[in-house]
C-alpha atoms as a PDB file:
ATOM      1  CA  MET A   1      -0.054   0.016   0.001  1.00  0.00           C
ATOM      2  CA  ASP A   2       1.715   3.150  -1.179  1.00  0.00           C
ATOM      3  CA  GLU A   3       2.030   6.479   0.697  1.00  0.00           C
ATOM      4  CA  ALA A   4      -0.498   8.336  -1.334  1.00  0.00           C
ATOM      5  CA  ARG A   5      -3.229   5.692  -0.907  1.00  0.00           C
ATOM      6  CA  LEU A   6      -2.603   5.522   2.864  1.00  0.00           C
ATOM      7  CA  ALA A   7      -2.783   9.350   3.212  1.00  0.00           C
ATOM      8  CA  HIS A   8      -5.981   9.411   1.164  1.00  0.00           C
ATOM      9  CA  GLU A   9      -7.568   6.652   3.297  1.00  0.00           C
ATOM     10  CA  GLN A  10      -6.677   8.383   6.545  1.00  0.00           C
ATOM     11  CA  LEU A  11      -8.283  11.648   5.380  1.00  0.00           C
ATOM     12  CA  GLY A  12     -11.429   9.798   4.279  1.00  0.00           C
ATOM     13  CA  ALA A  13     -11.708   7.521   7.351  1.00  0.00           C
ATOM     14  CA  MET A  14     -14.011  10.006   9.080  1.00  0.00           C
ATOM     15  CA  LEU A  15     -16.452   9.682   6.255  1.00  0.00           C
ATOM     16  CA  GLU A  16     -16.518   6.030   5.718  1.00  0.00           C
ATOM     17  CA  GLN A  17     -16.011   2.878   7.747  1.00  0.00           C
ATOM     18  CA  PRO A  18     -12.552   1.281   7.465  1.00  0.00           C
ATOM     19  CA  SER A  19     -12.531  -2.320   6.167  1.00  0.00           C
ATOM     20  CA  GLY A  20     -10.242  -5.173   5.378  1.00  0.00           C
ATOM     21  CA  VAL A  21      -8.328  -7.877   7.216  1.00  0.00           C
ATOM     22  CA  LEU A  22      -6.692  -6.664  10.477  1.00  0.00           C
ATOM     23  CA  ARG A  23      -3.881  -8.960  11.505  1.00  0.00           C
ATOM     24  CA  VAL A  24      -2.973  -8.604  15.182  1.00  0.00           C
ATOM     25  CA  SER A  25      -0.382 -10.227  17.462  1.00  0.00           C
ATOM     26  CA  LEU A  26      -1.647 -10.509  21.076  1.00  0.00           C
ATOM     27  CA  PRO A  27      -0.284 -11.685  24.390  1.00  0.00           C
ATOM     28  CA  VAL A  28      -2.193 -14.924  25.338  1.00  0.00           C
ATOM     29  CA  ASP A  29      -3.194 -14.006  28.758  1.00  0.00           C
ATOM     30  CA  LEU A  30      -4.105 -10.374  28.131  1.00  0.00           C
ATOM     31  CA  ALA A  31      -6.242 -11.404  25.054  1.00  0.00           C
ATOM     32  CA  THR A  32      -7.943 -14.260  26.859  1.00  0.00           C
ATOM     33  CA  PHE A  33      -8.806 -12.671  30.110  1.00  0.00           C
ATOM     34  CA  TYR A  34      -9.294  -9.011  29.136  1.00  0.00           C
ATOM     35  CA  LEU A  35      -9.105  -7.949  25.531  1.00  0.00           C
ATOM     36  CA  THR A  36     -11.655 -10.385  23.930  1.00  0.00           C
ATOM     37  CA  PRO A  37     -14.805  -8.438  25.029  1.00  0.00           C
ATOM     38  CA  ILE A  38     -13.223  -5.118  23.977  1.00  0.00           C
ATOM     39  CA  ILE A  39     -12.322  -6.429  20.560  1.00  0.00           C
ATOM     40  CA  GLY A  40     -15.906  -7.775  20.304  1.00  0.00           C
ATOM     41  CA  VAL A  41     -17.291  -4.303  20.887  1.00  0.00           C
ATOM     42  CA  PHE A  42     -14.802  -2.858  18.312  1.00  0.00           C
ATOM     43  CA  ALA A  43     -15.977  -5.509  15.745  1.00  0.00           C
ATOM     44  CA  ARG A  44     -19.513  -4.380  16.216  1.00  0.00           C
ATOM     45  CA  HIS A  45     -18.490  -0.767  15.599  1.00  0.00           C
ATOM     46  CA  TYR A  46     -16.717  -1.624  12.446  1.00  0.00           C
ATOM     47  CA  PRO A  47     -18.507  -4.539  10.628  1.00  0.00           C
ATOM     48  CA  GLY A  48     -16.323  -4.143   7.600  1.00  0.00           C
ATOM     49  CA  ILE A  49     -13.180  -5.246   9.349  1.00  0.00           C
ATOM     50  CA  THR A  50     -12.332  -9.035   9.618  1.00  0.00           C
ATOM     51  CA  PHE A  51      -9.712 -10.257  12.114  1.00  0.00           C
ATOM     52  CA  GLU A  52      -6.693 -12.621  12.136  1.00  0.00           C
ATOM     53  CA  CYS A  53      -5.495 -12.819  15.751  1.00  0.00           C
ATOM     54  CA  ASP A  54      -2.294 -14.668  16.649  1.00  0.00           C
ATOM     55  CA  LEU A  55      -2.018 -15.394  20.379  1.00  0.00           C
ATOM     56  CA  THR A  56       1.508 -16.329  21.271  1.00  0.00           C
ATOM     57  CA  PRO A  57       3.985 -15.818  24.078  1.00  0.00           C
ATOM     58  CA  ARG A  58       6.777 -15.027  21.527  1.00  0.00           C
ATOM     59  CA  ARG A  59       7.341 -11.561  20.214  1.00  0.00           C
ATOM     60  CA  VAL A  60       6.657 -11.814  16.556  1.00  0.00           C
ATOM     61  CA  ASP A  61       8.756 -10.001  13.950  1.00  0.00           C
ATOM     62  CA  LEU A  62       6.488  -7.243  12.751  1.00  0.00           C
ATOM     63  CA  VAL A  63       8.791  -6.541   9.752  1.00  0.00           C
ATOM     64  CA  ALA A  64       9.154 -10.112   8.491  1.00  0.00           C
ATOM     65  CA  GLU A  65       5.723 -11.404   9.352  1.00  0.00           C
ATOM     66  CA  PRO A  66       2.458  -9.978   8.019  1.00  0.00           C
ATOM     67  CA  PHE A  67       0.935  -8.285  11.025  1.00  0.00           C
ATOM     68  CA  ASP A  68      -0.675  -4.863  11.123  1.00  0.00           C
ATOM     69  CA  VAL A  69       0.013  -4.304  14.824  1.00  0.00           C
ATOM     70  CA  GLY A  70       1.294  -6.181  17.812  1.00  0.00           C
ATOM     71  CA  ILE A  71       0.172  -5.615  21.455  1.00  0.00           C
ATOM     72  CA  ARG A  72       2.974  -5.751  23.919  1.00  0.00           C
ATOM     73  CA  ILE A  73       3.256  -5.634  27.739  1.00  0.00           C
ATOM     74  CA  GLY A  74       6.141  -4.364  29.787  1.00  0.00           C
ATOM     75  CA  LYS A  75       9.658  -3.254  28.814  1.00  0.00           C
ATOM     76  CA  LEU A  76      10.250  -3.063  25.045  1.00  0.00           C
ATOM     77  CA  GLU A  77      13.399  -3.932  23.290  1.00  0.00           C
ATOM     78  CA  ASP A  78      15.080  -1.080  21.378  1.00  0.00           C
ATOM     79  CA  SER A  79      14.246  -1.209  17.722  1.00  0.00           C
ATOM     80  CA  SER A  80      13.120   0.827  14.785  1.00  0.00           C
ATOM     81  CA  LEU A  81       9.597  -0.108  15.418  1.00  0.00           C
ATOM     82  CA  ILE A  82       6.933   2.492  16.223  1.00  0.00           C
ATOM     83  CA  THR A  83       5.424   2.191  19.816  1.00  0.00           C
ATOM     84  CA  ARG A  84       2.325   3.861  21.262  1.00  0.00           C
ATOM     85  CA  LEU A  85       1.519   3.637  24.917  1.00  0.00           C
ATOM     86  CA  ILE A  86      -2.202   2.560  25.065  1.00  0.00           C
ATOM     87  CA  GLY A  87      -2.743   1.419  28.646  1.00  0.00           C
ATOM     88  CA  ARG A  88      -1.402   0.329  32.027  1.00  0.00           C
ATOM     89  CA  HIS A  89      -1.995  -2.640  34.294  1.00  0.00           C
ATOM     90  CA  SER A  90      -1.932  -2.224  38.107  1.00  0.00           C
ATOM     91  CA  HIS A  91      -0.814  -5.362  39.940  1.00  0.00           C
ATOM     92  CA  HIS A  92      -1.799  -6.227  43.460  1.00  0.00           C
ATOM     93  CA  LEU A  93      -1.325  -9.143  45.820  1.00  0.00           C
ATOM     94  CA  TYR A  94      -3.970 -11.902  46.051  1.00  0.00           C
ATOM     95  CA  ALA A  95      -4.558 -15.174  47.843  1.00  0.00           C
ATOM     96  CA  SER A  96      -7.434 -17.504  48.366  1.00  0.00           C
ATOM     97  CA  PRO A  97      -9.344 -17.663  51.621  1.00  0.00           C
ATOM     98  CA  GLY A  98      -8.231 -21.292  51.842  1.00  0.00           C
ATOM     99  CA  TYR A  99      -4.539 -20.396  51.649  1.00  0.00           C
ATOM    100  CA  ILE A 100      -4.919 -17.589  54.167  1.00  0.00           C
ATOM    101  CA  GLU A 101      -6.696 -19.812  56.642  1.00  0.00           C
ATOM    102  CA  ALA A 102      -3.962 -22.487  56.340  1.00  0.00           C
ATOM    103  CA  SER A 103      -0.802 -20.267  56.113  1.00  0.00           C
ATOM    104  CA  GLY A 104      -1.859 -16.928  57.650  1.00  0.00           C
ATOM    105  CA  GLU A 105      -1.730 -13.468  56.035  1.00  0.00           C
ATOM    106  CA  PRO A 106       1.430 -11.489  55.595  1.00  0.00           C
ATOM    107  CA  ALA A 107       1.583  -8.297  57.565  1.00  0.00           C
ATOM    108  CA  PRO A 108       4.566  -6.221  56.429  1.00  0.00           C
ATOM    109  CA  PRO A 109       5.583  -6.924  52.799  1.00  0.00           C
ATOM    110  CA  THR A 110       8.748  -8.606  54.069  1.00  0.00           C
ATOM    111  CA  ASP A 111       6.572 -11.444  55.420  1.00  0.00           C
ATOM    112  CA  LEU A 112       6.073 -12.601  51.821  1.00  0.00           C
ATOM    113  CA  ALA A 113       9.514 -14.165  52.057  1.00  0.00           C
ATOM    114  CA  LYS A 114       8.057 -16.648  54.418  1.00  0.00           C
ATOM    115  CA  HIS A 115       5.112 -17.609  52.170  1.00  0.00           C
ATOM    116  CA  GLU A 116       4.413 -19.694  49.053  1.00  0.00           C
ATOM    117  CA  CYS A 117       4.591 -17.059  46.310  1.00  0.00           C
ATOM    118  CA  ILE A 118       3.508 -18.032  42.777  1.00  0.00           C
ATOM    119  CA  GLY A 119       5.854 -16.045  40.489  1.00  0.00           C
ATOM    120  CA  MET A 120       6.770 -15.439  36.850  1.00  0.00           C
ATOM    121  CA  LEU A 121       9.889 -16.981  35.498  1.00  0.00           C
ATOM    122  CA  ARG A 122      13.054 -14.856  35.923  1.00  0.00           C
ATOM    123  CA  SER A 123      11.251 -12.634  38.507  1.00  0.00           C
ATOM    124  CA  PRO A 124      12.496 -13.723  41.947  1.00  0.00           C
ATOM    125  CA  ILE A 125      12.265 -10.208  43.339  1.00  0.00           C
ATOM    126  CA  TRP A 126       8.881  -8.495  43.869  1.00  0.00           C
ATOM    127  CA  THR A 127       9.222  -4.712  44.012  1.00  0.00           C
ATOM    128  CA  LEU A 128       6.264  -3.154  45.892  1.00  0.00           C
ATOM    129  CA  HIS A 129       5.301   0.406  46.356  1.00  0.00           C
ATOM    130  CA  ARG A 130       3.207   2.276  48.956  1.00  0.00           C
ATOM    131  CA  GLY A 131       3.272   5.867  48.009  1.00  0.00           C
ATOM    132  CA  ALA A 132       6.896   7.058  48.227  1.00  0.00           C
ATOM    133  CA  ASN A 133       7.856   3.902  50.039  1.00  0.00           C
ATOM    134  CA  LYS A 134       9.471   0.977  48.271  1.00  0.00           C
ATOM    135  CA  VAL A 135      10.451  -2.528  49.243  1.00  0.00           C
ATOM    136  CA  ASP A 136      12.125  -5.356  47.421  1.00  0.00           C
ATOM    137  CA  VAL A 137      11.185  -8.861  48.546  1.00  0.00           C
ATOM    138  CA  ALA A 138      13.052 -12.033  47.446  1.00  0.00           C
ATOM    139  CA  VAL A 139      10.146 -14.425  47.138  1.00  0.00           C
ATOM    140  CA  ARG A 140      10.150 -18.107  46.905  1.00  0.00           C
ATOM    141  CA  GLY A 141       7.630 -20.799  46.136  1.00  0.00           C
ATOM    142  CA  ARG A 142       7.113 -24.180  44.428  1.00  0.00           C
ATOM    143  CA  PHE A 143       5.665 -22.679  41.302  1.00  0.00           C
ATOM    144  CA  THR A 144       7.348 -20.341  38.819  1.00  0.00           C
ATOM    145  CA  LEU A 145       5.870 -20.116  35.316  1.00  0.00           C
ATOM    146  CA  ASN A 146       5.280 -17.816  32.261  1.00  0.00           C
ATOM    147  CA  SER A 147       1.411 -17.872  32.255  1.00  0.00           C
ATOM    148  CA  VAL A 148      -0.730 -15.156  34.131  1.00  0.00           C
ATOM    149  CA  GLY A 149      -3.663 -17.498  33.578  1.00  0.00           C
ATOM    150  CA  MET A 150      -2.079 -20.481  35.381  1.00  0.00           C
ATOM    151  CA  ILE A 151      -0.776 -18.241  38.167  1.00  0.00           C
ATOM    152  CA  ARG A 152      -4.319 -17.092  38.711  1.00  0.00           C
ATOM    153  CA  ALA A 153      -5.644 -20.715  38.592  1.00  0.00           C
ATOM    154  CA  LEU A 154      -2.988 -21.804  41.140  1.00  0.00           C
ATOM    155  CA  ALA A 155      -3.813 -18.936  43.551  1.00  0.00           C
ATOM    156  CA  VAL A 156      -7.603 -19.789  43.279  1.00  0.00           C
ATOM    157  CA  ASN A 157      -6.651 -23.384  44.105  1.00  0.00           C
ATOM    158  CA  HIS A 158      -5.022 -22.383  47.387  1.00  0.00           C
ATOM    159  CA  GLN A 159      -1.312 -22.809  46.176  1.00  0.00           C
ATOM    160  CA  GLY A 160       0.000 -19.455  47.282  1.00  0.00           C
ATOM    161  CA  ILE A 161       0.138 -15.733  46.842  1.00  0.00           C
ATOM    162  CA  ALA A 162       0.023 -14.149  43.472  1.00  0.00           C
ATOM    163  CA  LEU A 163       0.941 -10.734  42.154  1.00  0.00           C
ATOM    164  CA  LEU A 164      -1.740 -10.104  39.423  1.00  0.00           C
ATOM    165  CA  PRO A 165      -3.453  -7.450  37.340  1.00  0.00           C
ATOM    166  CA  GLU A 166      -6.545  -6.447  39.015  1.00  0.00           C
ATOM    167  CA  LYS A 167      -8.737  -6.631  35.906  1.00  0.00           C
ATOM    168  CA  ILE A 168      -7.798 -10.257  35.223  1.00  0.00           C
ATOM    169  CA  ILE A 169      -9.052 -11.494  38.545  1.00  0.00           C
ATOM    170  CA  ALA A 170     -12.044  -9.226  38.894  1.00  0.00           C
ATOM    171  CA  ASP A 171     -14.508 -12.106  38.820  1.00  0.00           C
ATOM    172  CA  ASP A 172     -12.507 -14.033  41.425  1.00  0.00           C
ATOM    173  CA  LEU A 173     -12.537 -11.012  43.800  1.00  0.00           C
ATOM    174  CA  ALA A 174     -16.308 -10.624  43.284  1.00  0.00           C
ATOM    175  CA  SER A 175     -16.999 -14.245  43.965  1.00  0.00           C
ATOM    176  CA  GLY A 176     -14.716 -14.425  46.978  1.00  0.00           C
ATOM    177  CA  ARG A 177     -12.363 -17.025  45.390  1.00  0.00           C
ATOM    178  CA  LEU A 178      -9.416 -14.509  45.914  1.00  0.00           C
ATOM    179  CA  ARG A 179      -8.781 -11.854  48.428  1.00  0.00           C
ATOM    180  CA  ARG A 180      -6.537  -8.851  48.127  1.00  0.00           C
ATOM    181  CA  ILE A 181      -3.845  -8.867  50.771  1.00  0.00           C
ATOM    182  CA  LEU A 182      -1.412  -6.090  51.823  1.00  0.00           C
ATOM    183  CA  PRO A 183      -3.858  -3.694  50.109  1.00  0.00           C
ATOM    184  CA  GLU A 184      -1.805  -0.572  50.510  1.00  0.00           C
ATOM    185  CA  TRP A 185       1.067  -2.175  48.508  1.00  0.00           C
ATOM    186  CA  GLN A 186       1.287  -2.714  44.759  1.00  0.00           C
ATOM    187  CA  LYS A 187       3.649  -3.280  41.969  1.00  0.00           C
ATOM    188  CA  SER A 188       4.402  -0.338  39.625  1.00  0.00           C
ATOM    189  CA  PRO A 189       1.904  -0.257  36.751  1.00  0.00           C
ATOM    190  CA  VAL A 190       3.004  -2.201  33.736  1.00  0.00           C
ATOM    191  CA  ASN A 191       2.720  -0.453  30.376  1.00  0.00           C
ATOM    192  CA  ILE A 192       0.879  -1.896  27.491  1.00  0.00           C
ATOM    193  CA  TYR A 193       1.882  -0.792  23.934  1.00  0.00           C
ATOM    194  CA  ALA A 194       0.661  -0.971  20.422  1.00  0.00           C
ATOM    195  CA  VAL A 195       3.647  -1.674  18.149  1.00  0.00           C
ATOM    196  CA  THR A 196       3.731  -1.140  14.321  1.00  0.00           C
ATOM    197  CA  GLU A 197       6.353  -1.244  11.557  1.00  0.00           C
ATOM    198  CA  THR A 198       5.717   2.348  10.594  1.00  0.00           C
ATOM    199  CA  ARG A 199       3.864   5.394  11.584  1.00  0.00           C
ATOM    200  CA  LEU A 200       1.940   5.421   8.317  1.00  0.00           C
ATOM    201  CA  ILE A 201      -0.876   2.815   8.991  1.00  0.00           C
ATOM    202  CA  PRO A 202      -4.239   2.118   7.394  1.00  0.00           C
ATOM    203  CA  ALA A 203      -7.392   3.504   9.036  1.00  0.00           C
ATOM    204  CA  LYS A 204      -8.403   0.053  10.294  1.00  0.00           C
ATOM    205  CA  THR A 205      -5.257  -0.218  12.358  1.00  0.00           C
ATOM    206  CA  GLN A 206      -5.455   3.386  13.475  1.00  0.00           C
ATOM    207  CA  ARG A 207      -9.091   2.938  14.692  1.00  0.00           C
ATOM    208  CA  PHE A 208      -8.183  -0.364  16.479  1.00  0.00           C
ATOM    209  CA  ILE A 209      -5.235   1.243  18.380  1.00  0.00           C
ATOM    210  CA  GLU A 210      -7.324   4.245  19.329  1.00  0.00           C
ATOM    211  CA  PHE A 211     -10.177   1.988  20.517  1.00  0.00           C
ATOM    212  CA  LEU A 212      -7.913  -0.186  22.703  1.00  0.00           C
ATOM    213  CA  SER A 213      -6.349   2.941  24.164  1.00  0.00           C
ATOM    214  CA  SER A 214      -9.739   4.304  25.104  1.00  0.00           C
ATOM    215  CA  ARG A 215     -10.508   1.218  27.072  1.00  0.00           C
ATOM    216  CA  LEU A 216      -7.075   0.177  28.425  1.00  0.00           C
ATOM    217  CA  MET A 217      -6.232   3.571  29.878  1.00  0.00           C
ATOM    218  CA  GLU A 218      -8.974   2.799  32.252  1.00  0.00           C
ATOM    219  CA  VAL A 219      -7.224  -0.241  33.525  1.00  0.00           C
END
């Protein structure tokens, strides 16, 4: 798609519905637990767009592979790609009532070192904040993994304390399957980005990024 055509499409996008195939790379857990209903609403707004969504833990090559946009969480590698901040995830500490009954509830954050903590791979230190205060805790536990969904499931099944995005466990909180602990402490918000190969993008991609940002900035 040449530059003149893209520029024309961008100018006319306010007058007509964008259409075409939108190819998106998405993080598995974010898509499964949070983005699916948002994308569903977007699809109803723009019936001319069809979707090819690739859910994978790997970071796809947006130059070599045919994706219009990739959604990324956390620190990004330096590259020539174009990044747009579209949201943030707040992380808090959660455990099941069953775990708390059996093992007690940590009082200061340093007590976490004495508990079963369900952590992400390569993240043995949990950095927590309360206002201007900060504490680093070297956590331990029988489970370390690379799936937020499985961390959540293990926490619900009384296997330990988890540091999770609030939106992903909202239903578990409402039902009482999980409880927030050390409520004054939290992890620094994690950024969510839309990544494209170039700044010059079709209207379908631009509308998608804008729509996600309008929802995810509320996270």
